[in-house]
Amino acid sequence: AQHRLLTEHLGVNHLRLIMGTSMGCM
């Protein structure tokens, strides 16, 4: 769902960085 949010809705085709905490880390 996060990938679809980026590519289909926000028009983001690349990320400089993915950070995550706890569940987001996983």
PDB file of all heavy atoms in Angstrom:
ATOM      1  N   ALA A   1       0.829  -1.208   0.000  1.00  0.00           N
ATOM      2  CA  ALA A   1       0.000   0.000   0.000  1.00  0.00           C
ATOM      3  C   ALA A   1       0.861   1.254   0.000  1.00  0.00           C
ATOM      4  O   ALA A   1       0.531   2.251  -0.666  1.00  0.00           O
ATOM      5  CB  ALA A   1      -0.924  -0.013   1.209  1.00  0.00           C
ATOM      6  N   GLN A   2       1.971   1.236   0.736  1.00  0.00           N
ATOM      7  CA  GLN A   2       2.879   2.380   0.737  1.00  0.00           C
ATOM      8  C   GLN A   2       3.465   2.609  -0.658  1.00  0.00           C
ATOM      9  O   GLN A   2       3.584   3.762  -1.121  1.00  0.00           O
ATOM     10  CB  GLN A   2       4.001   2.152   1.750  1.00  0.00           C
ATOM     11  CG  GLN A   2       3.528   2.165   3.194  1.00  0.00           C
ATOM     12  CD  GLN A   2       4.457   1.411   4.126  1.00  0.00           C
ATOM     13  OE1 GLN A   2       5.538   0.954   3.729  1.00  0.00           O
ATOM     14  NE2 GLN A   2       4.045   1.252   5.381  1.00  0.00           N
ATOM     15  N   HIS A   3       3.819   1.529  -1.337  1.00  0.00           N
ATOM     16  CA  HIS A   3       4.375   1.644  -2.692  1.00  0.00           C
ATOM     17  C   HIS A   3       3.349   2.241  -3.640  1.00  0.00           C
ATOM     18  O   HIS A   3       3.668   3.100  -4.471  1.00  0.00           O
ATOM     19  CB  HIS A   3       4.825   0.259  -3.177  1.00  0.00           C
ATOM     20  CG  HIS A   3       5.519   0.277  -4.504  1.00  0.00           C
ATOM     21  ND1 HIS A   3       4.852   0.022  -5.685  1.00  0.00           N
ATOM     22  CD2 HIS A   3       6.803   0.546  -4.837  1.00  0.00           C
ATOM     23  CE1 HIS A   3       5.705   0.099  -6.692  1.00  0.00           C
ATOM     24  NE2 HIS A   3       6.900   0.424  -6.208  1.00  0.00           N
ATOM     25  N   ARG A   4       2.104   1.799  -3.519  1.00  0.00           N
ATOM     26  CA  ARG A   4       1.051   2.342  -4.382  1.00  0.00           C
ATOM     27  C   ARG A   4       0.760   3.808  -4.054  1.00  0.00           C
ATOM     28  O   ARG A   4       0.492   4.609  -4.955  1.00  0.00           O
ATOM     29  CB  ARG A   4      -0.219   1.503  -4.256  1.00  0.00           C
ATOM     30  CG  ARG A   4      -0.102   0.112  -4.866  1.00  0.00           C
ATOM     31  CD  ARG A   4      -1.440  -0.625  -4.867  1.00  0.00           C
ATOM     32  NE  ARG A   4      -2.445   0.055  -5.674  1.00  0.00           N
ATOM     33  CZ  ARG A   4      -3.702  -0.377  -5.850  1.00  0.00           C
ATOM     34  NH1 ARG A   4      -4.099  -1.487  -5.241  1.00  0.00           N
ATOM     35  NH2 ARG A   4      -4.551   0.295  -6.605  1.00  0.00           N
ATOM     36  N   LEU A   5       0.803   4.160  -2.770  1.00  0.00           N
ATOM     37  CA  LEU A   5       0.638   5.559  -2.392  1.00  0.00           C
ATOM     38  C   LEU A   5       1.682   6.421  -3.096  1.00  0.00           C
ATOM     39  O   LEU A   5       1.356   7.463  -3.674  1.00  0.00           O
ATOM     40  CB  LEU A   5       0.787   5.705  -0.872  1.00  0.00           C
ATOM     41  CG  LEU A   5       1.010   7.132  -0.346  1.00  0.00           C
ATOM     42  CD1 LEU A   5      -0.244   7.973  -0.539  1.00  0.00           C
ATOM     43  CD2 LEU A   5       1.439   7.111   1.117  1.00  0.00           C
ATOM     44  N   LEU A   6       2.928   5.978  -3.052  1.00  0.00           N
ATOM     45  CA  LEU A   6       4.014   6.758  -3.652  1.00  0.00           C
ATOM     46  C   LEU A   6       3.870   6.856  -5.172  1.00  0.00           C
ATOM     47  O   LEU A   6       3.909   7.951  -5.743  1.00  0.00           O
ATOM     48  CB  LEU A   6       5.363   6.123  -3.313  1.00  0.00           C
ATOM     49  CG  LEU A   6       5.785   6.109  -1.840  1.00  0.00           C
ATOM     50  CD1 LEU A   6       7.087   5.336  -1.674  1.00  0.00           C
ATOM     51  CD2 LEU A   6       5.940   7.522  -1.299  1.00  0.00           C
ATOM     52  N   THR A   7       3.714   5.712  -5.825  1.00  0.00           N
ATOM     53  CA  THR A   7       3.784   5.680  -7.283  1.00  0.00           C
ATOM     54  C   THR A   7       2.496   6.108  -7.974  1.00  0.00           C
ATOM     55  O   THR A   7       2.535   6.784  -9.004  1.00  0.00           O
ATOM     56  CB  THR A   7       4.184   4.275  -7.760  1.00  0.00           C
ATOM     57  OG1 THR A   7       3.235   3.318  -7.262  1.00  0.00           O
ATOM     58  CG2 THR A   7       5.576   3.904  -7.259  1.00  0.00           C
ATOM     59  N   GLU A   8       1.345   5.718  -7.396  1.00  0.00           N
ATOM     60  CA  GLU A   8       0.074   6.001  -8.057  1.00  0.00           C
ATOM     61  C   GLU A   8      -0.526   7.340  -7.646  1.00  0.00           C
ATOM     62  O   GLU A   8      -1.233   7.969  -8.438  1.00  0.00           O
ATOM     63  CB  GLU A   8      -0.940   4.890  -7.752  1.00  0.00           C
ATOM     64  CG  GLU A   8      -0.534   3.520  -8.275  1.00  0.00           C
ATOM     65  CD  GLU A   8      -1.531   2.438  -7.882  1.00  0.00           C
ATOM     66  OE1 GLU A   8      -2.670   2.784  -7.468  1.00  0.00           O
ATOM     67  OE2 GLU A   8      -1.182   1.241  -7.975  1.00  0.00           O
ATOM     68  N   HIS A   9      -0.266   7.761  -6.419  1.00  0.00           N
ATOM     69  CA  HIS A   9      -0.932   8.963  -5.910  1.00  0.00           C
ATOM     70  C   HIS A   9      -0.001  10.169  -5.809  1.00  0.00           C
ATOM     71  O   HIS A   9      -0.371  11.269  -6.208  1.00  0.00           O
ATOM     72  CB  HIS A   9      -1.551   8.663  -4.546  1.00  0.00           C
ATOM     73  CG  HIS A   9      -2.380   9.787  -4.001  1.00  0.00           C
ATOM     74  ND1 HIS A   9      -3.677  10.024  -4.420  1.00  0.00           N
ATOM     75  CD2 HIS A   9      -2.093  10.754  -3.089  1.00  0.00           C
ATOM     76  CE1 HIS A   9      -4.149  11.092  -3.786  1.00  0.00           C
ATOM     77  NE2 HIS A   9      -3.211  11.546  -2.969  1.00  0.00           N
ATOM     78  N   LEU A  10       1.199   9.962  -5.283  1.00  0.00           N
ATOM     79  CA  LEU A  10       2.115  11.087  -5.072  1.00  0.00           C
ATOM     80  C   LEU A  10       3.089  11.289  -6.228  1.00  0.00           C
ATOM     81  O   LEU A  10       3.787  12.305  -6.275  1.00  0.00           O
ATOM     82  CB  LEU A  10       2.902  10.886  -3.769  1.00  0.00           C
ATOM     83  CG  LEU A  10       2.068  10.899  -2.485  1.00  0.00           C
ATOM     84  CD1 LEU A  10       2.958  10.616  -1.275  1.00  0.00           C
ATOM     85  CD2 LEU A  10       1.332  12.225  -2.306  1.00  0.00           C
ATOM     86  N   GLY A  11       3.149  10.346  -7.140  1.00  0.00           N
ATOM     87  CA  GLY A  11       4.060  10.478  -8.275  1.00  0.00           C
ATOM     88  C   GLY A  11       5.516  10.362  -7.894  1.00  0.00           C
ATOM     89  O   GLY A  11       6.397  10.917  -8.573  1.00  0.00           O
ATOM     90  N   VAL A  12       5.811   9.631  -6.833  1.00  0.00           N
ATOM     91  CA  VAL A  12       7.191   9.444  -6.375  1.00  0.00           C
ATOM     92  C   VAL A  12       7.692   8.096  -6.883  1.00  0.00           C
ATOM     93  O   VAL A  12       7.155   7.042  -6.524  1.00  0.00           O
ATOM     94  CB  VAL A  12       7.273   9.501  -4.841  1.00  0.00           C
ATOM     95  CG1 VAL A  12       8.675   9.119  -4.357  1.00  0.00           C
ATOM     96  CG2 VAL A  12       6.903  10.898  -4.344  1.00  0.00           C
ATOM     97  N   ASN A  13       8.709   8.132  -7.721  1.00  0.00           N
ATOM     98  CA  ASN A  13       9.242   6.904  -8.311  1.00  0.00           C
ATOM     99  C   ASN A  13      10.590   6.501  -7.730  1.00  0.00           C
ATOM    100  O   ASN A  13      11.199   5.522  -8.184  1.00  0.00           O
ATOM    101  CB  ASN A  13       9.349   7.044  -9.824  1.00  0.00           C
ATOM    102  CG  ASN A  13      10.103   8.294 -10.246  1.00  0.00           C
ATOM    103  OD1 ASN A  13      10.780   8.942  -9.434  1.00  0.00           O
ATOM    104  ND2 ASN A  13       9.996   8.653 -11.523  1.00  0.00           N
ATOM    105  N   HIS A  14      11.057   7.256  -6.749  1.00  0.00           N
ATOM    106  CA  HIS A  14      12.337   6.926  -6.110  1.00  0.00           C
ATOM    107  C   HIS A  14      12.406   7.642  -4.766  1.00  0.00           C
ATOM    108  O   HIS A  14      11.883   8.746  -4.611  1.00  0.00           O
ATOM    109  CB  HIS A  14      13.511   7.367  -6.988  1.00  0.00           C
ATOM    110  CG  HIS A  14      14.847   6.891  -6.480  1.00  0.00           C
ATOM    111  ND1 HIS A  14      15.302   5.620  -6.691  1.00  0.00           N
ATOM    112  CD2 HIS A  14      15.812   7.528  -5.754  1.00  0.00           C
ATOM    113  CE1 HIS A  14      16.496   5.477  -6.136  1.00  0.00           C
ATOM    114  NE2 HIS A  14      16.830   6.624  -5.552  1.00  0.00           N
ATOM    115  N   LEU A  15      13.055   6.989  -3.803  1.00  0.00           N
ATOM    116  CA  LEU A  15      13.229   7.577  -2.476  1.00  0.00           C
ATOM    117  C   LEU A  15      14.712   7.743  -2.175  1.00  0.00           C
ATOM    118  O   LEU A  15      15.510   6.823  -2.406  1.00  0.00           O
ATOM    119  CB  LEU A  15      12.591   6.694  -1.404  1.00  0.00           C
ATOM    120  CG  LEU A  15      11.060   6.631  -1.406  1.00  0.00           C
ATOM    121  CD1 LEU A  15      10.578   5.476  -0.526  1.00  0.00           C
ATOM    122  CD2 LEU A  15      10.462   7.947  -0.917  1.00  0.00           C
ATOM    123  N   ARG A  16      15.050   8.897  -1.671  1.00  0.00           N
ATOM    124  CA  ARG A  16      16.415   9.106  -1.214  1.00  0.00           C
ATOM    125  C   ARG A  16      16.690   8.243   0.016  1.00  0.00           C
ATOM    126  O   ARG A  16      17.759   7.672   0.170  1.00  0.00           O
ATOM    127  CB  ARG A  16      16.614  10.595  -0.877  1.00  0.00           C
ATOM    128  CG  ARG A  16      18.010  10.961  -0.370  1.00  0.00           C
ATOM    129  CD  ARG A  16      19.040  10.769  -1.443  1.00  0.00           C
ATOM    130  NE  ARG A  16      20.323  11.378  -1.083  1.00  0.00           N
ATOM    131  CZ  ARG A  16      21.461  11.095  -1.709  1.00  0.00           C
ATOM    132  NH1 ARG A  16      21.463  10.214  -2.717  1.00  0.00           N
ATOM    133  NH2 ARG A  16      22.580  11.685  -1.356  1.00  0.00           N
ATOM    134  N   LEU A  17      15.683   8.148   0.886  1.00  0.00           N
ATOM    135  CA  LEU A  17      15.872   7.439   2.147  1.00  0.00           C
ATOM    136  C   LEU A  17      14.540   6.901   2.645  1.00  0.00           C
ATOM    137  O   LEU A  17      13.513   7.568   2.535  1.00  0.00           O
ATOM    138  CB  LEU A  17      16.451   8.405   3.192  1.00  0.00           C
ATOM    139  CG  LEU A  17      16.713   7.870   4.599  1.00  0.00           C
ATOM    140  CD1 LEU A  17      17.886   6.887   4.584  1.00  0.00           C
ATOM    141  CD2 LEU A  17      17.012   9.022   5.569  1.00  0.00           C
ATOM    142  N   ILE A  18      14.571   5.693   3.204  1.00  0.00           N
ATOM    143  CA  ILE A  18      13.445   5.162   3.973  1.00  0.00           C
ATOM    144  C   ILE A  18      13.927   5.006   5.406  1.00  0.00           C
ATOM    145  O   ILE A  18      14.898   4.285   5.677  1.00  0.00           O
ATOM    146  CB  ILE A  18      12.955   3.805   3.446  1.00  0.00           C
ATOM    147  CG1 ILE A  18      12.420   3.926   2.021  1.00  0.00           C
ATOM    148  CG2 ILE A  18      11.865   3.243   4.363  1.00  0.00           C
ATOM    149  CD1 ILE A  18      11.966   2.607   1.422  1.00  0.00           C
ATOM    150  N   MET A  19      13.259   5.701   6.316  1.00  0.00           N
ATOM    151  CA  MET A  19      13.506   5.527   7.741  1.00  0.00           C
ATOM    152  C   MET A  19      12.300   4.828   8.358  1.00  0.00           C
ATOM    153  O   MET A  19      11.190   4.939   7.841  1.00  0.00           O
ATOM    154  CB  MET A  19      13.725   6.883   8.430  1.00  0.00           C
ATOM    155  CG  MET A  19      15.000   7.588   8.025  1.00  0.00           C
ATOM    156  SD  MET A  19      15.198   9.159   8.912  1.00  0.00           S
ATOM    157  CE  MET A  19      15.432   8.562  10.589  1.00  0.00           C
ATOM    158  N   GLY A  20      12.518   4.136   9.468  1.00  0.00           N
ATOM    159  CA  GLY A  20      11.398   3.487  10.124  1.00  0.00           C
ATOM    160  C   GLY A  20      11.705   3.220  11.579  1.00  0.00           C
ATOM    161  O   GLY A  20      12.858   2.948  11.950  1.00  0.00           O
ATOM    162  N   THR A  21      10.667   3.296  12.424  1.00  0.00           N
ATOM    163  CA  THR A  21      10.821   3.037  13.849  1.00  0.00           C
ATOM    164  C   THR A  21       9.969   1.841  14.250  1.00  0.00           C
ATOM    165  O   THR A  21       8.788   1.775  13.925  1.00  0.00           O
ATOM    166  CB  THR A  21      10.390   4.262  14.679  1.00  0.00           C
ATOM    167  OG1 THR A  21       9.014   4.557  14.444  1.00  0.00           O
ATOM    168  CG2 THR A  21      11.221   5.488  14.319  1.00  0.00           C
ATOM    169  N   SER A  22      10.587   0.861  14.924  1.00  0.00           N
ATOM    170  CA  SER A  22       9.858  -0.300  15.434  1.00  0.00           C
ATOM    171  C   SER A  22       9.172  -1.055  14.294  1.00  0.00           C
ATOM    172  O   SER A  22       9.850  -1.625  13.448  1.00  0.00           O
ATOM    173  CB  SER A  22       8.858   0.156  16.514  1.00  0.00           C
ATOM    174  OG  SER A  22       8.323  -0.942  17.201  1.00  0.00           O
ATOM    175  N   MET A  23       7.854  -1.059  14.224  1.00  0.00           N
ATOM    176  CA  MET A  23       7.181  -1.681  13.088  1.00  0.00           C
ATOM    177  C   MET A  23       7.683  -1.078  11.784  1.00  0.00           C
ATOM    178  O   MET A  23       7.900  -1.792  10.790  1.00  0.00           O
ATOM    179  CB  MET A  23       5.667  -1.512  13.194  1.00  0.00           C
ATOM    180  CG  MET A  23       4.886  -2.087  12.011  1.00  0.00           C
ATOM    181  SD  MET A  23       3.099  -1.814  12.131  1.00  0.00           S
ATOM    182  CE  MET A  23       3.021  -0.046  11.743  1.00  0.00           C
ATOM    183  N   GLY A  24       7.877   0.243  11.768  1.00  0.00           N
ATOM    184  CA  GLY A  24       8.403   0.906  10.569  1.00  0.00           C
ATOM    185  C   GLY A  24       9.815   0.467  10.251  1.00  0.00           C
ATOM    186  O   GLY A  24      10.212   0.415   9.082  1.00  0.00           O
ATOM    187  N   CYS A  25      10.594   0.138  11.290  1.00  0.00           N
ATOM    188  CA  CYS A  25      11.934  -0.418  11.093  1.00  0.00           C
ATOM    189  C   CYS A  25      11.844  -1.747  10.341  1.00  0.00           C
ATOM    190  O   CYS A  25      12.563  -1.987   9.370  1.00  0.00           O
ATOM    191  CB  CYS A  25      12.595  -0.605  12.462  1.00  0.00           C
ATOM    192  SG  CYS A  25      14.177  -1.478  12.474  1.00  0.00           S
ATOM    193  N   MET A  26      10.933  -2.587  10.792  1.00  0.00           N
ATOM    194  CA  MET A  26      10.759  -3.885  10.140  1.00  0.00           C
ATOM    195  C   MET A  26      10.284  -3.712   8.703  1.00  0.00           C
ATOM    196  O   MET A  26      10.743  -4.400   7.784  1.00  0.00           O
ATOM    197  CB  MET A  26       9.787  -4.737  10.948  1.00  0.00           C
ATOM    198  CG  MET A  26      10.342  -5.147  12.308  1.00  0.00           C
ATOM    199  SD  MET A  26       9.278  -6.284  13.241  1.00  0.00           S
ATOM    200  CE  MET A  26       8.193  -5.128  14.068  1.00  0.00           C
TER     201      MET A  26
END
